[in-house]
Amino acid sequence: MRNTFIFTVLAVMILTSFSKKEESMNYFQNSRKQEITLDSTKWWLTKIYTTDSFTEISTKKAFIRFNKADGKVSGNGSCNSFGGKLSIDGNNLSVGNIFSTKMYCDNVQSIENEFFRQLGKVTGYEIKGKTLLLFDGDNPVLEFEA
């Protein structure tokens, strides 16, 4: 009788663990299928485009977040936190009144300066998979990854 009881308890525990694992896998798969939208994620800066070239950003310091509902943008330029006003109409996007803290960080200051300069030029955006491109007209100026 005692062995039957122990066997039953063990069987229930094993079946429960499989059920929880399956629920966990379903949650993971469903969360991966969710469409990435402009204001659903933290976008990490990966490239800064200039007129004739681009700079790859290997540090995971600079990022941007969009809040369409409040009409605001915020993030970090690599050293300083920043914010500004956000205007979106379809795929047209502009960022204005950019402000930031004023610390100086020698090893990333040039990245931050160019990031803010290019951010002020943005007129549109496009999301492809996990990549966000910000454009000045037809020219990409900033690239981010979700």
C-alpha atoms as a PDB file:
ATOM      1  CA  MET A   1       0.000   0.000   0.000  1.00  0.00           C
ATOM      2  CA  ARG A   2       2.791   2.369   0.974  1.00  0.00           C
ATOM      3  CA  ASN A   3       4.668   1.644  -2.293  1.00  0.00           C
ATOM      4  CA  THR A   4       1.530   2.324  -4.316  1.00  0.00           C
ATOM      5  CA  PHE A   5       1.085   5.664  -2.568  1.00  0.00           C
ATOM      6  CA  ILE A   6       4.734   6.668  -3.167  1.00  0.00           C
ATOM      7  CA  PHE A   7       4.506   5.572  -6.814  1.00  0.00           C
ATOM      8  CA  THR A   8       1.314   7.612  -7.298  1.00  0.00           C
ATOM      9  CA  VAL A   9       2.873  10.738  -5.749  1.00  0.00           C
ATOM     10  CA  LEU A  10       5.980  10.393  -7.920  1.00  0.00           C
ATOM     11  CA  ALA A  11       3.892   9.897 -11.064  1.00  0.00           C
ATOM     12  CA  VAL A  12       1.849  13.024 -10.313  1.00  0.00           C
ATOM     13  CA  MET A  13       5.042  15.051  -9.690  1.00  0.00           C
ATOM     14  CA  ILE A  14       6.578  13.899 -12.971  1.00  0.00           C
ATOM     15  CA  LEU A  15       3.443  14.626 -14.988  1.00  0.00           C
ATOM     16  CA  THR A  16       3.123  18.050 -13.372  1.00  0.00           C
ATOM     17  CA  SER A  17       6.717  18.924 -14.262  1.00  0.00           C
ATOM     18  CA  PHE A  18       6.102  18.016 -17.924  1.00  0.00           C
ATOM     19  CA  SER A  19       2.956  20.125 -17.961  1.00  0.00           C
ATOM     20  CA  LYS A  20       4.803  23.149 -16.547  1.00  0.00           C
ATOM     21  CA  LYS A  21       7.642  22.662 -19.028  1.00  0.00           C
ATOM     22  CA  GLU A  22       5.132  22.563 -21.902  1.00  0.00           C
ATOM     23  CA  GLU A  23       3.398  25.728 -20.600  1.00  0.00           C
ATOM     24  CA  SER A  24       6.780  27.433 -20.356  1.00  0.00           C
ATOM     25  CA  MET A  25       7.719  26.429 -23.919  1.00  0.00           C
ATOM     26  CA  ASN A  26       4.351  27.643 -25.255  1.00  0.00           C
ATOM     27  CA  TYR A  27       4.817  30.999 -23.517  1.00  0.00           C
ATOM     28  CA  PHE A  28       8.341  31.318 -24.941  1.00  0.00           C
ATOM     29  CA  GLN A  29       7.202  30.448 -28.479  1.00  0.00           C
ATOM     30  CA  ASN A  30       4.225  32.837 -28.328  1.00  0.00           C
ATOM     31  CA  SER A  31       6.341  35.694 -26.973  1.00  0.00           C
ATOM     32  CA  ARG A  32       8.807  35.204 -29.853  1.00  0.00           C
ATOM     33  CA  LYS A  33       5.970  35.469 -32.361  1.00  0.00           C
ATOM     34  CA  GLN A  34       4.823  38.873 -31.077  1.00  0.00           C
ATOM     35  CA  GLU A  35       5.420  41.577 -33.626  1.00  0.00           C
ATOM     36  CA  ILE A  36       8.078  44.078 -32.658  1.00  0.00           C
ATOM     37  CA  THR A  37       6.725  47.607 -32.823  1.00  0.00           C
ATOM     38  CA  LEU A  38       8.431  50.956 -32.514  1.00  0.00           C
ATOM     39  CA  ASP A  39       7.433  51.519 -28.910  1.00  0.00           C
ATOM     40  CA  SER A  40       7.405  47.906 -27.726  1.00  0.00           C
ATOM     41  CA  THR A  41      11.124  47.558 -27.141  1.00  0.00           C
ATOM     42  CA  LYS A  42      14.432  49.080 -26.162  1.00  0.00           C
ATOM     43  CA  TRP A  43      16.375  49.707 -29.382  1.00  0.00           C
ATOM     44  CA  TRP A  44      20.180  49.305 -29.159  1.00  0.00           C
ATOM     45  CA  LEU A  45      22.273  51.464 -31.491  1.00  0.00           C
ATOM     46  CA  THR A  46      24.285  49.313 -33.931  1.00  0.00           C
ATOM     47  CA  LYS A  47      25.268  51.695 -36.775  1.00  0.00           C
ATOM     48  CA  ILE A  48      25.618  55.389 -37.422  1.00  0.00           C
ATOM     49  CA  TYR A  49      25.515  56.336 -41.113  1.00  0.00           C
ATOM     50  CA  THR A  50      27.243  59.401 -42.516  1.00  0.00           C
ATOM     51  CA  THR A  51      27.280  60.740 -46.076  1.00  0.00           C
ATOM     52  CA  ASP A  52      29.767  58.219 -47.472  1.00  0.00           C
ATOM     53  CA  SER A  53      30.200  55.519 -44.821  1.00  0.00           C
ATOM     54  CA  PHE A  54      28.931  54.096 -41.565  1.00  0.00           C
ATOM     55  CA  THR A  55      30.315  53.322 -38.126  1.00  0.00           C
ATOM     56  CA  GLU A  56      29.471  50.028 -36.427  1.00  0.00           C
ATOM     57  CA  ILE A  57      28.758  50.427 -32.728  1.00  0.00           C
ATOM     58  CA  SER A  58      30.003  47.442 -30.773  1.00  0.00           C
ATOM     59  CA  THR A  59      29.308  48.737 -27.269  1.00  0.00           C
ATOM     60  CA  LYS A  60      25.833  48.040 -25.919  1.00  0.00           C
ATOM     61  CA  LYS A  61      25.490  51.428 -24.257  1.00  0.00           C
ATOM     62  CA  ALA A  62      23.514  53.650 -26.623  1.00  0.00           C
ATOM     63  CA  PHE A  63      19.803  52.947 -26.890  1.00  0.00           C
ATOM     64  CA  ILE A  64      16.501  54.643 -27.596  1.00  0.00           C
ATOM     65  CA  ARG A  65      12.908  54.093 -26.474  1.00  0.00           C
ATOM     66  CA  PHE A  66       9.832  55.535 -28.155  1.00  0.00           C
ATOM     67  CA  ASN A  67       6.583  56.390 -26.402  1.00  0.00           C
ATOM     68  CA  LYS A  68       3.984  57.202 -29.054  1.00  0.00           C
ATOM     69  CA  ALA A  69       1.182  57.710 -26.540  1.00  0.00           C
ATOM     70  CA  ASP A  70       3.081  60.446 -24.678  1.00  0.00           C
ATOM     71  CA  GLY A  71       4.894  61.808 -27.746  1.00  0.00           C
ATOM     72  CA  LYS A  72       8.289  61.331 -26.113  1.00  0.00           C
ATOM     73  CA  VAL A  73      11.593  59.677 -26.867  1.00  0.00           C
ATOM     74  CA  SER A  74      14.261  58.761 -24.307  1.00  0.00           C
ATOM     75  CA  GLY A  75      17.435  56.752 -23.993  1.00  0.00           C
ATOM     76  CA  ASN A  76      21.169  56.908 -23.540  1.00  0.00           C
ATOM     77  CA  GLY A  77      23.705  58.209 -26.029  1.00  0.00           C
ATOM     78  CA  SER A  78      26.549  56.026 -24.646  1.00  0.00           C
ATOM     79  CA  CYS A  79      27.362  58.336 -21.758  1.00  0.00           C
ATOM     80  CA  ASN A  80      24.422  60.643 -21.115  1.00  0.00           C
ATOM     81  CA  SER A  81      20.708  60.085 -20.697  1.00  0.00           C
ATOM     82  CA  PHE A  82      18.551  62.013 -23.149  1.00  0.00           C
ATOM     83  CA  GLY A  83      14.954  62.792 -23.977  1.00  0.00           C
ATOM     84  CA  GLY A  84      12.924  64.743 -26.472  1.00  0.00           C
ATOM     85  CA  LYS A  85       9.634  65.189 -28.269  1.00  0.00           C
ATOM     86  CA  LEU A  86       8.418  62.562 -30.685  1.00  0.00           C
ATOM     87  CA  SER A  87       6.145  63.082 -33.680  1.00  0.00           C
ATOM     88  CA  ILE A  88       4.883  60.114 -35.706  1.00  0.00           C
ATOM     89  CA  ASP A  89       2.563  60.033 -38.699  1.00  0.00           C
ATOM     90  CA  GLY A  90       2.583  56.681 -40.477  1.00  0.00           C
ATOM     91  CA  ASN A  91       6.257  55.963 -41.197  1.00  0.00           C
ATOM     92  CA  ASN A  92       7.180  59.631 -40.853  1.00  0.00           C
ATOM     93  CA  LEU A  93       8.979  60.288 -37.607  1.00  0.00           C
ATOM     94  CA  SER A  94      10.767  63.268 -36.138  1.00  0.00           C
ATOM     95  CA  VAL A  95      12.517  63.925 -32.851  1.00  0.00           C
ATOM     96  CA  GLY A  96      12.778  67.457 -31.521  1.00  0.00           C
ATOM     97  CA  ASN A  97      13.843  69.423 -28.479  1.00  0.00           C
ATOM     98  CA  ILE A  98      16.519  66.851 -27.628  1.00  0.00           C
ATOM     99  CA  PHE A  99      18.023  67.395 -24.178  1.00  0.00           C
ATOM    100  CA  SER A 100      20.592  65.388 -22.250  1.00  0.00           C
ATOM    101  CA  THR A 101      22.710  65.282 -19.159  1.00  0.00           C
ATOM    102  CA  LYS A 102      26.142  66.850 -19.689  1.00  0.00           C
ATOM    103  CA  MET A 103      28.804  64.388 -18.545  1.00  0.00           C
ATOM    104  CA  TYR A 104      31.911  63.893 -20.676  1.00  0.00           C
ATOM    105  CA  CYS A 105      33.026  60.329 -21.405  1.00  0.00           C
ATOM    106  CA  ASP A 106      36.267  60.316 -23.353  1.00  0.00           C
ATOM    107  CA  ASN A 107      36.048  56.865 -24.965  1.00  0.00           C
ATOM    108  CA  VAL A 108      32.448  57.209 -26.284  1.00  0.00           C
ATOM    109  CA  GLN A 109      31.893  60.942 -26.631  1.00  0.00           C
ATOM    110  CA  SER A 110      32.346  60.985 -30.410  1.00  0.00           C
ATOM    111  CA  ILE A 111      29.734  58.215 -30.787  1.00  0.00           C
ATOM    112  CA  GLU A 112      27.263  60.107 -28.632  1.00  0.00           C
ATOM    113  CA  ASN A 113      27.823  63.411 -30.419  1.00  0.00           C
ATOM    114  CA  GLU A 114      27.203  61.820 -33.830  1.00  0.00           C
ATOM    115  CA  PHE A 115      24.212  59.845 -32.513  1.00  0.00           C
ATOM    116  CA  PHE A 116      22.520  63.050 -31.290  1.00  0.00           C
ATOM    117  CA  ARG A 117      23.449  64.930 -34.487  1.00  0.00           C
ATOM    118  CA  GLN A 118      21.914  62.213 -36.691  1.00  0.00           C
ATOM    119  CA  LEU A 119      18.877  61.820 -34.434  1.00  0.00           C
ATOM    120  CA  GLY A 120      18.017  65.465 -35.063  1.00  0.00           C
ATOM    121  CA  LYS A 121      17.890  64.779 -38.846  1.00  0.00           C
ATOM    122  CA  VAL A 122      15.422  61.884 -38.705  1.00  0.00           C
ATOM    123  CA  THR A 123      12.319  62.137 -40.916  1.00  0.00           C
ATOM    124  CA  GLY A 124      11.161  58.508 -41.094  1.00  0.00           C
ATOM    125  CA  TYR A 125      11.579  54.934 -39.933  1.00  0.00           C
ATOM    126  CA  GLU A 126      11.279  51.329 -41.024  1.00  0.00           C
ATOM    127  CA  ILE A 127      11.261  48.113 -39.007  1.00  0.00           C
ATOM    128  CA  LYS A 128      12.557  44.916 -40.634  1.00  0.00           C
ATOM    129  CA  GLY A 129      12.450  41.953 -38.266  1.00  0.00           C
ATOM    130  CA  LYS A 130      14.470  43.007 -35.223  1.00  0.00           C
ATOM    131  CA  THR A 131      16.115  45.963 -36.997  1.00  0.00           C
ATOM    132  CA  LEU A 132      14.973  49.573 -36.833  1.00  0.00           C
ATOM    133  CA  LEU A 133      16.270  52.012 -39.447  1.00  0.00           C
ATOM    134  CA  LEU A 134      15.866  55.764 -38.996  1.00  0.00           C
ATOM    135  CA  PHE A 135      16.053  57.824 -42.184  1.00  0.00           C
ATOM    136  CA  ASP A 136      16.756  61.366 -43.307  1.00  0.00           C
ATOM    137  CA  GLY A 137      14.667  61.338 -46.480  1.00  0.00           C
ATOM    138  CA  ASP A 138      15.743  58.175 -48.322  1.00  0.00           C
ATOM    139  CA  ASN A 139      19.108  57.948 -46.545  1.00  0.00           C
ATOM    140  CA  PRO A 140      19.583  55.798 -43.447  1.00  0.00           C
ATOM    141  CA  VAL A 141      21.179  57.703 -40.561  1.00  0.00           C
ATOM    142  CA  LEU A 142      20.819  55.337 -37.589  1.00  0.00           C
ATOM    143  CA  GLU A 143      20.330  51.600 -37.212  1.00  0.00           C
ATOM    144  CA  PHE A 144      19.153  49.797 -34.083  1.00  0.00           C
ATOM    145  CA  GLU A 145      18.497  46.235 -32.976  1.00  0.00           C
ATOM    146  CA  ALA A 146      15.709  45.087 -30.661  1.00  0.00           C
END
